[in-house]
Amino acid sequence: MTVYAADDLYSEVAYIAYHFHWPLNEILDLDHRERRRYVAEIGSINQLLTDRH
């Protein structure tokens, strides 16, 4: 089993919750890989929006 740094988990959860308004339990139910994918996708969307302005 891989230990996941608590600070990283809090950061990912806050990022997804802020952008998607998902409840904590739904975000924590995601496995690590899926949660990281959402973080990456949100980052890509934010970058596209930033580049347009």
PDB file of N, CA and C in Angstrom:
ATOM      1  N   MET A   1       0.841  -1.177   0.000  1.00  0.00           N
ATOM      2  CA  MET A   1       0.000   0.000   0.000  1.00  0.00           C
ATOM      3  C   MET A   1       0.887   1.243   0.000  1.00  0.00           C
ATOM      4  N   THR A   2       0.561   2.201  -0.838  1.00  0.00           N
ATOM      5  CA  THR A   2       1.312   3.443  -0.920  1.00  0.00           C
ATOM      6  C   THR A   2       0.699   4.477   0.012  1.00  0.00           C
ATOM      7  N   VAL A   3       1.546   5.135   0.772  1.00  0.00           N
ATOM      8  CA  VAL A   3       1.080   6.200   1.663  1.00  0.00           C
ATOM      9  C   VAL A   3       1.029   7.493   0.866  1.00  0.00           C
ATOM     10  N   TYR A   4      -0.060   8.202   1.008  1.00  0.00           N
ATOM     11  CA  TYR A   4      -0.271   9.424   0.258  1.00  0.00           C
ATOM     12  C   TYR A   4      -0.154  10.600   1.221  1.00  0.00           C
ATOM     13  N   ALA A   5       0.674  11.566   0.891  1.00  0.00           N
ATOM     14  CA  ALA A   5       0.904  12.713   1.771  1.00  0.00           C
ATOM     15  C   ALA A   5      -0.405  13.467   2.031  1.00  0.00           C
ATOM     16  N   ALA A   6      -0.676  13.709   3.300  1.00  0.00           N
ATOM     17  CA  ALA A   6      -1.922  14.381   3.689  1.00  0.00           C
ATOM     18  C   ALA A   6      -2.053  15.757   3.052  1.00  0.00           C
ATOM     19  N   ASP A   7      -0.954  16.511   2.970  1.00  0.00           N
ATOM     20  CA  ASP A   7      -1.017  17.845   2.368  1.00  0.00           C
ATOM     21  C   ASP A   7      -1.411  17.767   0.896  1.00  0.00           C
ATOM     22  N   ASP A   8      -0.905  16.762   0.192  1.00  0.00           N
ATOM     23  CA  ASP A   8      -1.268  16.589  -1.217  1.00  0.00           C
ATOM     24  C   ASP A   8      -2.739  16.237  -1.364  1.00  0.00           C
ATOM     25  N   LEU A   9      -3.215  15.374  -0.507  1.00  0.00           N
ATOM     26  CA  LEU A   9      -4.623  14.985  -0.551  1.00  0.00           C
ATOM     27  C   LEU A   9      -5.531  16.179  -0.274  1.00  0.00           C
ATOM     28  N   TYR A  10      -5.225  16.953   0.751  1.00  0.00           N
ATOM     29  CA  TYR A  10      -6.016  18.149   1.057  1.00  0.00           C
ATOM     30  C   TYR A  10      -6.024  19.114  -0.127  1.00  0.00           C
ATOM     31  N   SER A  11      -4.875  19.289  -0.745  1.00  0.00           N
ATOM     32  CA  SER A  11      -4.767  20.201  -1.883  1.00  0.00           C
ATOM     33  C   SER A  11      -5.641  19.734  -3.046  1.00  0.00           C
ATOM     34  N   GLU A  12      -5.571  18.457  -3.371  1.00  0.00           N
ATOM     35  CA  GLU A  12      -6.384  17.913  -4.460  1.00  0.00           C
ATOM     36  C   GLU A  12      -7.874  18.019  -4.153  1.00  0.00           C
ATOM     37  N   VAL A  13      -8.247  17.677  -2.940  1.00  0.00           N
ATOM     38  CA  VAL A  13      -9.658  17.736  -2.549  1.00  0.00           C
ATOM     39  C   VAL A  13     -10.171  19.172  -2.626  1.00  0.00           C
ATOM     40  N   ALA A  14      -9.407  20.106  -2.113  1.00  0.00           N
ATOM     41  CA  ALA A  14      -9.820  21.510  -2.142  1.00  0.00           C
ATOM     42  C   ALA A  14      -9.958  22.007  -3.581  1.00  0.00           C
ATOM     43  N   TYR A  15      -9.032  21.631  -4.426  1.00  0.00           N
ATOM     44  CA  TYR A  15      -9.036  22.056  -5.826  1.00  0.00           C
ATOM     45  C   TYR A  15     -10.277  21.546  -6.555  1.00  0.00           C
ATOM     46  N   ILE A  16     -10.562  20.257  -6.398  1.00  0.00           N
ATOM     47  CA  ILE A  16     -11.739  19.670  -7.053  1.00  0.00           C
ATOM     48  C   ILE A  16     -13.026  20.236  -6.453  1.00  0.00           C
ATOM     49  N   ALA A  17     -13.080  20.345  -5.136  1.00  0.00           N
ATOM     50  CA  ALA A  17     -14.283  20.875  -4.486  1.00  0.00           C
ATOM     51  C   ALA A  17     -14.556  22.308  -4.923  1.00  0.00           C
ATOM     52  N   TYR A  18     -13.523  23.105  -5.036  1.00  0.00           N
ATOM     53  CA  TYR A  18     -13.673  24.501  -5.434  1.00  0.00           C
ATOM     54  C   TYR A  18     -14.239  24.610  -6.848  1.00  0.00           C
ATOM     55  N   HIS A  19     -13.715  23.818  -7.748  1.00  0.00           N
ATOM     56  CA  HIS A  19     -14.122  23.934  -9.150  1.00  0.00           C
ATOM     57  C   HIS A  19     -15.412  23.183  -9.483  1.00  0.00           C
ATOM     58  N   PHE A  20     -15.620  22.020  -8.873  1.00  0.00           N
ATOM     59  CA  PHE A  20     -16.784  21.195  -9.216  1.00  0.00           C
ATOM     60  C   PHE A  20     -17.892  21.253  -8.171  1.00  0.00           C
ATOM     61  N   HIS A  21     -17.582  21.789  -6.986  1.00  0.00           N
ATOM     62  CA  HIS A  21     -18.562  21.867  -5.898  1.00  0.00           C
ATOM     63  C   HIS A  21     -19.079  20.487  -5.477  1.00  0.00           C
ATOM     64  N   TRP A  22     -18.193  19.502  -5.567  1.00  0.00           N
ATOM     65  CA  TRP A  22     -18.536  18.157  -5.125  1.00  0.00           C
ATOM     66  C   TRP A  22     -18.351  18.061  -3.618  1.00  0.00           C
ATOM     67  N   PRO A  23     -19.163  17.254  -2.953  1.00  0.00           N
ATOM     68  CA  PRO A  23     -18.981  17.056  -1.510  1.00  0.00           C
ATOM     69  C   PRO A  23     -17.724  16.224  -1.222  1.00  0.00           C
ATOM     70  N   LEU A  24     -17.206  16.405  -0.040  1.00  0.00           N
ATOM     71  CA  LEU A  24     -15.970  15.750   0.376  1.00  0.00           C
ATOM     72  C   LEU A  24     -16.011  14.244   0.182  1.00  0.00           C
ATOM     73  N   ASN A  25     -17.089  13.601   0.609  1.00  0.00           N
ATOM     74  CA  ASN A  25     -17.140  12.136   0.527  1.00  0.00           C
ATOM     75  C   ASN A  25     -17.063  11.631  -0.909  1.00  0.00           C
ATOM     76  N   GLU A  26     -17.617  12.354  -1.858  1.00  0.00           N
ATOM     77  CA  GLU A  26     -17.535  11.933  -3.252  1.00  0.00           C
ATOM     78  C   GLU A  26     -16.110  12.049  -3.785  1.00  0.00           C
ATOM     79  N   ILE A  27     -15.422  13.102  -3.401  1.00  0.00           N
ATOM     80  CA  ILE A  27     -14.043  13.282  -3.847  1.00  0.00           C
ATOM     81  C   ILE A  27     -13.142  12.223  -3.216  1.00  0.00           C
ATOM     82  N   LEU A  28     -13.332  11.959  -1.931  1.00  0.00           N
ATOM     83  CA  LEU A  28     -12.510  10.959  -1.249  1.00  0.00           C
ATOM     84  C   LEU A  28     -12.796   9.542  -1.735  1.00  0.00           C
ATOM     85  N   ASP A  29     -13.971   9.314  -2.305  1.00  0.00           N
ATOM     86  CA  ASP A  29     -14.291   7.997  -2.863  1.00  0.00           C
ATOM     87  C   ASP A  29     -13.551   7.715  -4.167  1.00  0.00           C
ATOM     88  N   LEU A  30     -13.032   8.755  -4.802  1.00  0.00           N
ATOM     89  CA  LEU A  30     -12.253   8.554  -6.021  1.00  0.00           C
ATOM     90  C   LEU A  30     -10.928   7.893  -5.661  1.00  0.00           C
ATOM     91  N   ASP A  31     -10.453   6.982  -6.528  1.00  0.00           N
ATOM     92  CA  ASP A  31      -9.125   6.447  -6.256  1.00  0.00           C
ATOM     93  C   ASP A  31      -8.087   7.492  -6.654  1.00  0.00           C
ATOM     94  N   HIS A  32      -6.878   7.292  -6.208  1.00  0.00           N
ATOM     95  CA  HIS A  32      -5.805   8.278  -6.411  1.00  0.00           C
ATOM     96  C   HIS A  32      -5.655   8.662  -7.886  1.00  0.00           C
ATOM     97  N   ARG A  33      -5.598   7.677  -8.745  1.00  0.00           N
ATOM     98  CA  ARG A  33      -5.391   7.933 -10.181  1.00  0.00           C
ATOM     99  C   ARG A  33      -6.520   8.780 -10.773  1.00  0.00           C
ATOM    100  N   GLU A  34      -7.743   8.436 -10.414  1.00  0.00           N
ATOM    101  CA  GLU A  34      -8.899   9.180 -10.932  1.00  0.00           C
ATOM    102  C   GLU A  34      -8.918  10.608 -10.394  1.00  0.00           C
ATOM    103  N   ARG A  35      -8.607  10.778  -9.110  1.00  0.00           N
ATOM    104  CA  ARG A  35      -8.569  12.118  -8.514  1.00  0.00           C
ATOM    105  C   ARG A  35      -7.491  12.963  -9.179  1.00  0.00           C
ATOM    106  N   ARG A  36      -6.317  12.389  -9.418  1.00  0.00           N
ATOM    107  CA  ARG A  36      -5.231  13.119 -10.090  1.00  0.00           C
ATOM    108  C   ARG A  36      -5.636  13.506 -11.506  1.00  0.00           C
ATOM    109  N   ARG A  37      -6.409  12.659 -12.163  1.00  0.00           N
ATOM    110  CA  ARG A  37      -6.878  12.963 -13.518  1.00  0.00           C
ATOM    111  C   ARG A  37      -7.804  14.170 -13.514  1.00  0.00           C
ATOM    112  N   TYR A  38      -8.711  14.234 -12.551  1.00  0.00           N
ATOM    113  CA  TYR A  38      -9.589  15.404 -12.439  1.00  0.00           C
ATOM    114  C   TYR A  38      -8.784  16.669 -12.158  1.00  0.00           C
ATOM    115  N   VAL A  39      -7.791  16.575 -11.305  1.00  0.00           N
ATOM    116  CA  VAL A  39      -6.936  17.725 -11.014  1.00  0.00           C
ATOM    117  C   VAL A  39      -6.243  18.191 -12.292  1.00  0.00           C
ATOM    118  N   ALA A  40      -5.725  17.257 -13.063  1.00  0.00           N
ATOM    119  CA  ALA A  40      -5.047  17.608 -14.317  1.00  0.00           C
ATOM    120  C   ALA A  40      -6.007  18.240 -15.322  1.00  0.00           C
ATOM    121  N   GLU A  41      -7.195  17.692 -15.429  1.00  0.00           N
ATOM    122  CA  GLU A  41      -8.179  18.232 -16.377  1.00  0.00           C
ATOM    123  C   GLU A  41      -8.627  19.635 -15.978  1.00  0.00           C
ATOM    124  N   ILE A  42      -8.863  19.846 -14.689  1.00  0.00           N
ATOM    125  CA  ILE A  42      -9.225  21.185 -14.225  1.00  0.00           C
ATOM    126  C   ILE A  42      -8.090  22.158 -14.525  1.00  0.00           C
ATOM    127  N   GLY A  43      -6.859  21.730 -14.302  1.00  0.00           N
ATOM    128  CA  GLY A  43      -5.703  22.569 -14.612  1.00  0.00           C
ATOM    129  C   GLY A  43      -5.642  22.926 -16.084  1.00  0.00           C
ATOM    130  N   SER A  44      -5.935  21.969 -16.948  1.00  0.00           N
ATOM    131  CA  SER A  44      -5.935  22.228 -18.395  1.00  0.00           C
ATOM    132  C   SER A  44      -7.013  23.236 -18.782  1.00  0.00           C
ATOM    133  N   ILE A  45      -8.192  23.085 -18.204  1.00  0.00           N
ATOM    134  CA  ILE A  45      -9.282  24.029 -18.468  1.00  0.00           C
ATOM    135  C   ILE A  45      -8.892  25.428 -18.000  1.00  0.00           C
ATOM    136  N   ASN A  46      -8.345  25.509 -16.803  1.00  0.00           N
ATOM    137  CA  ASN A  46      -7.920  26.809 -16.280  1.00  0.00           C
ATOM    138  C   ASN A  46      -6.862  27.439 -17.168  1.00  0.00           C
ATOM    139  N   GLN A  47      -5.940  26.639 -17.666  1.00  0.00           N
ATOM    140  CA  GLN A  47      -4.889  27.162 -18.533  1.00  0.00           C
ATOM    141  C   GLN A  47      -5.479  27.695 -19.845  1.00  0.00           C
ATOM    142  N   LEU A  48      -6.411  26.960 -20.421  1.00  0.00           N
ATOM    143  CA  LEU A  48      -7.075  27.423 -21.644  1.00  0.00           C
ATOM    144  C   LEU A  48      -7.786  28.745 -21.428  1.00  0.00           C
ATOM    145  N   LEU A  49      -8.489  28.853 -20.315  1.00  0.00           N
ATOM    146  CA  LEU A  49      -9.194  30.101 -20.012  1.00  0.00           C
ATOM    147  C   LEU A  49      -8.223  31.257 -19.780  1.00  0.00           C
ATOM    148  N   THR A  50      -7.118  30.986 -19.127  1.00  0.00           N
ATOM    149  CA  THR A  50      -6.102  32.005 -18.877  1.00  0.00           C
ATOM    150  C   THR A  50      -5.477  32.468 -20.191  1.00  0.00           C
ATOM    151  N   ASP A  51      -5.197  31.534 -21.070  1.00  0.00           N
ATOM    152  CA  ASP A  51      -4.574  31.862 -22.355  1.00  0.00           C
ATOM    153  C   ASP A  51      -5.486  32.704 -23.247  1.00  0.00           C
ATOM    154  N   ARG A  52      -6.772  32.569 -23.080  1.00  0.00           N
ATOM    155  CA  ARG A  52      -7.742  33.329 -23.893  1.00  0.00           C
ATOM    156  C   ARG A  52      -7.831  34.779 -23.471  1.00  0.00           C
ATOM    157  N   HIS A  53      -7.388  35.089 -22.256  1.00  0.00           N
ATOM    158  CA  HIS A  53      -7.508  36.456 -21.742  1.00  0.00           C
ATOM    159  C   HIS A  53      -6.216  37.175 -21.781  1.00  0.00           C
TER     160      HIS A  53
END
